[in-house]
Amino acid sequence: LARQRRTPPKDLGLELLIMKQKRLLPEEIMPERFIEADEAQNYEPDHAGSFRIYLCRGRILASNESMTVAGSNARDILNTLIEKGLVSRLDHAGYLGRELEKAEIALRLKRNYVQDEPLWPAEKS
């Protein structure tokens, strides 16, 4: 419809410009020797506990039975969880880092965030 009217599409703001880059950096050279990453193994829960990650009032929150940590960026929240001894497994720390980073991106781009769900519909498979 916008094309027919020769007008910009409705409800598209600066978010599209934020996502676009003018130039991509040149791709790195692939080394001749490398190790292929293994697929995920069986899930083993962290005995230190699990966290619910969500957004509230413009902040990122990571909450478990004993504590809620709030912040505006993934790094500070993850560092706090580790310093407080609330994460004991490296794979759990990696997972929390990925989810907290997704939450931070959602917060900055004013998108919805649901833990363990993709930020972009095209990511669903």
Protein backbone atom coordinates (compact mmCIF):
# COMPACT_ATOMS: atom_id res chain seq x y z
CA LEU A 1 0.00 0.00 0.00
CA ALA A 2 2.81 2.41 0.86
CA ARG A 3 4.42 1.74 -2.50
CA GLN A 4 1.15 2.51 -4.29
CA ARG A 5 0.73 5.73 -2.33
CA ARG A 6 4.44 6.55 -2.68
CA THR A 7 4.69 7.20 1.05
CA PRO A 8 6.93 5.69 3.72
CA PRO A 9 5.52 2.57 5.39
CA LYS A 10 3.43 3.31 8.46
CA ASP A 11 4.88 2.84 11.96
CA LEU A 12 8.48 2.41 10.84
CA GLY A 13 10.77 4.58 12.87
CA LEU A 14 14.43 4.97 13.52
CA GLU A 15 14.67 1.35 14.67
CA LEU A 16 15.41 0.29 11.10
CA LEU A 17 18.23 2.79 10.81
CA ILE A 18 19.74 1.58 14.08
CA MET A 19 19.95 -1.97 12.72
CA LYS A 20 21.49 -1.02 9.36
CA GLN A 21 25.21 -0.54 8.83
CA LYS A 22 26.66 1.51 6.01
CA ARG A 23 29.55 -0.85 5.37
CA LEU A 24 30.35 -4.35 6.50
CA LEU A 25 33.87 -5.06 7.67
CA PRO A 26 35.87 -7.44 5.48
CA GLU A 27 35.40 -11.06 6.47
CA GLU A 28 38.21 -12.67 8.45
CA ILE A 29 40.31 -15.40 6.85
CA MET A 30 39.26 -18.90 7.88
CA PRO A 31 42.17 -20.83 9.42
CA GLU A 32 43.13 -24.06 7.70
CA ARG A 33 42.91 -25.98 10.96
CA PHE A 34 40.04 -25.59 13.40
CA ILE A 35 37.83 -27.65 15.67
CA GLU A 36 34.15 -27.94 14.76
CA ALA A 37 31.87 -27.00 17.67
CA ASP A 38 29.99 -29.90 19.24
CA GLU A 39 26.22 -29.89 19.40
CA ALA A 40 24.65 -29.24 22.78
CA GLN A 41 24.81 -32.15 25.19
CA ASN A 42 22.25 -33.18 27.77
CA TYR A 43 21.09 -30.41 30.08
CA GLU A 44 22.45 -30.60 33.61
CA PRO A 45 20.92 -28.11 36.06
CA ASP A 46 23.12 -25.76 38.06
CA HIS A 47 22.96 -26.74 41.73
CA ALA A 48 23.32 -23.04 42.60
CA GLY A 49 19.85 -22.47 41.11
CA SER A 50 18.12 -21.14 38.04
CA PHE A 51 17.00 -17.64 37.13
CA ARG A 52 14.02 -15.98 35.55
CA ILE A 53 15.15 -13.10 33.33
CA TYR A 54 12.67 -10.37 32.45
CA LEU A 55 12.27 -6.64 31.83
CA CYS A 56 10.50 -4.30 34.23
CA ARG A 57 10.37 -0.48 34.37
CA GLY A 58 13.21 -0.07 31.90
CA ARG A 59 15.54 -2.47 33.73
CA ILE A 60 16.72 -6.05 33.28
CA LEU A 61 15.99 -8.36 36.21
CA ALA A 62 17.43 -11.79 37.00
CA SER A 63 15.50 -13.44 39.79
CA ASN A 64 15.67 -16.72 41.69
CA GLU A 65 14.19 -17.95 44.99
CA SER A 66 16.64 -16.01 47.14
CA MET A 67 17.55 -12.84 45.24
CA THR A 68 16.70 -10.47 42.40
CA VAL A 69 19.47 -8.58 40.63
CA ALA A 70 18.45 -5.53 38.58
CA GLY A 71 20.52 -3.53 36.15
CA SER A 72 20.62 -1.85 32.78
CA ASN A 73 23.25 -4.03 31.10
CA ALA A 74 23.98 -7.73 30.81
CA ARG A 75 27.61 -7.56 31.92
CA ASP A 76 26.90 -5.93 35.29
CA ILE A 77 24.08 -8.35 36.10
CA LEU A 78 26.09 -11.44 35.14
CA ASN A 79 29.15 -10.24 37.07
CA THR A 80 26.97 -9.66 40.14
CA LEU A 81 25.44 -13.14 39.89
CA ILE A 82 28.90 -14.69 39.66
CA GLU A 83 30.36 -12.57 42.48
CA LYS A 84 27.47 -13.55 44.77
CA GLY A 85 28.13 -17.24 44.06
CA LEU A 86 24.75 -17.71 42.39
CA VAL A 87 26.22 -19.45 39.31
CA SER A 88 28.42 -22.53 39.63
CA ARG A 89 28.52 -24.00 36.11
CA LEU A 90 30.30 -22.47 33.10
CA ASP A 91 27.56 -23.60 30.71
CA HIS A 92 24.96 -21.91 32.93
CA ALA A 93 27.02 -18.70 33.01
CA GLY A 94 27.22 -18.83 29.20
CA TYR A 95 23.46 -19.35 28.92
CA LEU A 96 22.75 -16.49 31.33
CA GLY A 97 25.12 -14.24 29.39
CA ARG A 98 23.28 -14.98 26.13
CA GLU A 99 19.84 -14.42 27.65
CA LEU A 100 20.89 -11.26 29.49
CA GLU A 101 22.38 -9.89 26.27
CA LYS A 102 19.10 -10.60 24.44
CA ALA A 103 17.25 -8.81 27.23
CA GLU A 104 19.59 -5.82 26.91
CA ILE A 105 19.07 -5.65 23.14
CA ALA A 106 15.30 -5.86 23.64
CA LEU A 107 15.48 -3.08 26.22
CA ARG A 108 17.50 -0.80 23.96
CA LEU A 109 15.32 -1.44 20.90
CA LYS A 110 12.09 -1.28 22.91
CA ARG A 111 11.13 -4.84 21.95
CA ASN A 112 9.39 -7.48 23.99
CA TYR A 113 11.63 -9.99 25.72
CA VAL A 114 10.61 -13.52 26.72
CA GLN A 115 13.28 -15.80 28.14
CA ASP A 116 14.24 -18.70 25.84
CA GLU A 117 12.32 -17.15 22.93
CA PRO A 118 13.97 -15.48 19.91
CA LEU A 119 13.91 -11.68 19.67
CA TRP A 120 13.13 -11.79 15.95
CA PRO A 121 10.30 -13.88 14.47
CA ALA A 122 12.56 -15.13 11.65
CA GLU A 123 14.72 -16.94 14.24
CA LYS A 124 11.95 -19.42 15.07
CA SER A 125 12.62 -22.83 13.62
